């Protein structure tokens, strides 16, 4: 008999999903506790796909959470938008589907890299970054393993170095802290 699913991961792309999954595993989650929502088969616009699927995943989270403690982690790049603009778009997608957005006390984390996950990966490699430049992608998503370990250490110590960290990464650490307490 397998462990129940405790965490639902809804992401826009494979690299962000791999990063979040590895971070959760490094932080003590077990693989059997994770359910990753399948990515769009056609490789289309990930942002639109997440917005379209978010209401159903919030409903699934609430249904499951009524029986067993559950988390929902939503990973979406900010791209050229602000973090708040992305959050407002997610709220609007829920409103359009008549599904209330996350409320206080719900274990729903919004992981929103600004510009994209590659910005965080560069920072975690020790590079000085800004949230507008484009940073190189990895050939294989699993190459983020070292950066995940570094982030885990930083989040545990509650200190992102070198200063200043990307604001979106700091916000994500706070989101992870909210669902793990």
Protein backbone atom coordinates (compact mmCIF):
# COMPACT_ATOMS: atom_id res chain seq x y z
CA UNK A 1 0.00 0.00 0.00
CA UNK A 2 1.42 3.39 -0.97
CA UNK A 3 1.60 6.54 1.13
CA UNK A 4 -1.20 9.06 0.57
CA UNK A 5 -0.54 12.09 -1.61
CA UNK A 6 0.16 15.08 0.59
CA UNK A 7 1.44 17.62 -1.92
CA UNK A 8 0.11 18.60 -5.32
CA UNK A 9 2.61 20.34 -7.62
CA UNK A 10 1.22 22.43 -10.49
CA UNK A 11 3.96 24.02 -12.61
CA UNK A 12 4.31 25.64 -15.98
CA UNK A 13 7.46 23.82 -17.10
CA UNK A 14 9.72 20.89 -16.44
CA UNK A 15 12.69 22.84 -15.00
CA UNK A 16 10.57 24.64 -12.41
CA UNK A 17 8.77 21.40 -11.51
CA UNK A 18 12.10 19.53 -11.16
CA UNK A 19 13.47 22.32 -8.96
CA UNK A 20 10.42 22.33 -6.67
CA UNK A 21 10.30 18.53 -6.47
CA UNK A 22 14.00 18.27 -5.60
CA UNK A 23 13.63 21.05 -3.03
CA UNK A 24 10.73 19.28 -1.34
CA UNK A 25 12.61 15.97 -1.27
CA UNK A 26 15.71 17.67 0.15
CA UNK A 27 13.49 19.33 2.79
CA UNK A 28 12.12 16.00 4.02
CA UNK A 29 9.08 15.28 1.88
CA UNK A 30 8.84 11.73 0.52
CA UNK A 31 8.41 11.01 -3.20
CA UNK A 32 5.21 9.06 -2.57
CA UNK A 33 3.70 12.13 -0.95
CA UNK A 34 4.02 14.16 -4.16
CA UNK A 35 1.58 14.31 -7.04
CA UNK A 36 2.84 16.24 -10.01
CA UNK A 37 0.16 17.54 -12.34
CA UNK A 38 1.09 16.49 -15.88
CA UNK A 39 2.52 19.25 -18.04
CA UNK A 40 0.71 20.27 -21.22
CA UNK A 41 1.32 17.66 -23.90
CA UNK A 42 1.74 20.18 -26.69
CA UNK A 43 4.36 22.26 -24.86
CA UNK A 44 2.13 25.31 -25.22
CA UNK A 45 2.06 28.44 -23.09
CA UNK A 46 2.73 27.26 -19.57
CA UNK A 47 1.37 30.39 -17.89
CA UNK A 48 -2.02 29.99 -19.56
CA UNK A 49 -2.03 26.26 -18.78
CA UNK A 50 -1.40 26.91 -15.07
CA UNK A 51 -4.13 29.57 -14.92
CA UNK A 52 -6.58 27.23 -16.66
CA UNK A 53 -5.80 24.32 -14.33
CA UNK A 54 -5.47 26.19 -11.05
CA UNK A 55 -9.18 26.28 -10.13
CA UNK A 56 -9.53 22.49 -10.52
CA UNK A 57 -6.36 21.89 -8.50
CA UNK A 58 -7.55 24.19 -5.72
CA UNK A 59 -10.78 22.20 -5.61
CA UNK A 60 -8.79 18.95 -5.49
CA UNK A 61 -6.60 20.37 -2.72
CA UNK A 62 -9.63 21.38 -0.64
CA UNK A 63 -11.36 18.05 -1.17
CA UNK A 64 -8.28 16.09 -0.15
CA UNK A 65 -7.40 18.46 2.69
CA UNK A 66 -10.78 17.76 4.28
CA UNK A 67 -9.57 14.18 4.90
CA UNK A 68 -5.77 14.47 5.19
CA UNK A 69 -3.34 17.33 5.52
CA UNK A 70 -2.46 18.46 2.01
CA UNK A 71 -0.44 21.19 0.28
CA UNK A 72 -0.70 22.72 -3.17
CA UNK A 73 2.37 24.29 -4.71
CA UNK A 74 1.90 26.43 -7.80
CA UNK A 75 4.99 27.24 -9.86
CA UNK A 76 4.76 29.90 -12.53
CA UNK A 77 7.33 32.31 -13.97
CA UNK A 78 6.69 36.03 -13.71
CA UNK A 79 8.48 36.57 -17.05
CA UNK A 80 8.25 40.31 -17.81
CA UNK A 81 5.37 40.86 -15.38
CA UNK A 82 5.57 41.64 -11.67
CA UNK A 83 4.97 38.98 -9.06
CA UNK A 84 1.81 40.80 -7.98
CA UNK A 85 0.53 40.90 -11.57
CA UNK A 86 0.97 37.12 -11.80
CA UNK A 87 -0.84 36.63 -8.50
CA UNK A 88 -3.68 38.85 -9.69
CA UNK A 89 -3.94 36.77 -12.89
CA UNK A 90 -4.19 33.60 -10.79
CA UNK A 91 -6.85 35.20 -8.60
CA UNK A 92 -8.78 36.24 -11.70
CA UNK A 93 -8.60 32.72 -13.15
CA UNK A 94 -10.14 31.40 -9.93
CA UNK A 95 -12.79 34.12 -9.88
CA UNK A 96 -13.71 33.32 -13.50
CA UNK A 97 -14.23 29.68 -12.47
CA UNK A 98 -16.16 30.64 -9.30
CA UNK A 99 -13.49 29.05 -7.11
CA UNK A 100 -12.27 31.10 -4.14
CA UNK A 101 -8.55 31.84 -4.27
CA UNK A 102 -6.34 30.72 -1.37
CA UNK A 103 -7.41 31.90 2.04
CA UNK A 104 -5.48 32.46 5.24
CA UNK A 105 -4.42 29.17 6.76
CA UNK A 106 -4.57 27.17 3.54
CA UNK A 107 -1.37 25.41 2.59
CA UNK A 108 -1.17 26.80 -0.93
CA UNK A 109 2.25 28.14 -1.92
CA UNK A 110 2.88 30.38 -4.91
CA UNK A 111 6.42 29.93 -6.24
CA UNK A 112 6.96 32.69 -8.80
CA UNK A 113 10.50 33.25 -10.08
CA UNK A 114 11.06 36.66 -11.63
CA UNK A 115 12.04 36.51 -14.70
CA UNK A 116 12.24 32.71 -14.60
CA UNK A 117 13.76 29.81 -12.67
CA UNK A 118 17.10 30.28 -14.42
CA UNK A 119 17.51 33.56 -12.49
CA UNK A 120 17.34 31.64 -9.22
CA UNK A 121 19.66 28.92 -10.49
CA UNK A 122 22.28 31.54 -11.45
CA UNK A 123 22.00 33.18 -8.01
CA UNK A 124 22.33 29.83 -6.28
CA UNK A 125 25.48 29.13 -8.32
CA UNK A 126 26.90 32.26 -6.72
CA UNK A 127 26.39 34.67 -9.60
CA UNK A 128 25.20 38.23 -9.09
CA UNK A 129 21.84 38.45 -10.81
CA UNK A 130 19.02 40.82 -11.59
CA UNK A 131 15.46 39.80 -12.32
CA UNK A 132 15.35 41.18 -15.85
CA UNK A 133 18.31 39.49 -17.56
CA UNK A 134 18.14 36.13 -19.30
CA UNK A 135 20.28 33.37 -17.78
CA UNK A 136 21.21 30.11 -19.53
CA UNK A 137 19.07 27.02 -19.31
CA UNK A 138 20.49 23.65 -18.29
CA UNK A 139 20.71 20.86 -20.87
CA UNK A 140 19.08 18.53 -18.34
CA UNK A 141 16.62 19.68 -15.67
CA UNK A 142 18.32 17.47 -13.07
CA UNK A 143 21.44 19.66 -13.22
CA UNK A 144 19.78 21.91 -10.61
CA UNK A 145 20.63 19.45 -7.82
CA UNK A 146 23.50 21.54 -6.39
CA UNK A 147 21.42 24.72 -6.42
CA UNK A 148 18.57 22.94 -4.63
CA UNK A 149 20.97 21.81 -1.88
CA UNK A 150 22.26 25.38 -1.53
CA UNK A 151 18.73 26.78 -1.29
CA UNK A 152 17.79 24.19 1.31
CA UNK A 153 20.76 25.27 3.45
CA UNK A 154 19.89 28.93 3.01
CA UNK A 155 16.21 28.44 3.85
CA UNK A 156 17.07 26.43 6.96
CA UNK A 157 19.37 29.22 8.16
CA UNK A 158 16.77 31.79 7.03
CA UNK A 159 19.55 33.69 5.24
CA UNK A 160 19.95 34.00 1.47
CA UNK A 161 23.48 34.92 0.47
CA UNK A 162 25.09 36.79 -1.10
CA UNK A 163 23.05 39.85 -0.26
CA UNK A 164 20.78 40.98 -1.75
CA UNK A 165 18.94 37.86 -2.95
CA UNK A 166 16.41 38.09 -5.76
CA UNK A 167 13.20 39.34 -4.10
CA UNK A 168 11.16 36.60 -5.81
CA UNK A 169 13.41 33.91 -4.28
CA UNK A 170 13.02 35.43 -0.84
CA UNK A 171 9.24 35.44 -1.34
CA UNK A 172 9.34 31.76 -2.39
CA UNK A 173 11.29 30.82 0.75
CA UNK A 174 8.58 32.53 2.80
CA UNK A 175 5.91 30.61 0.88
CA UNK A 176 7.67 27.29 1.56
CA UNK A 177 8.05 28.23 5.23
CA UNK A 178 4.28 28.90 5.46
CA UNK A 179 3.35 25.44 4.18
CA UNK A 180 5.91 23.58 6.27
CA UNK A 181 4.84 25.01 9.62
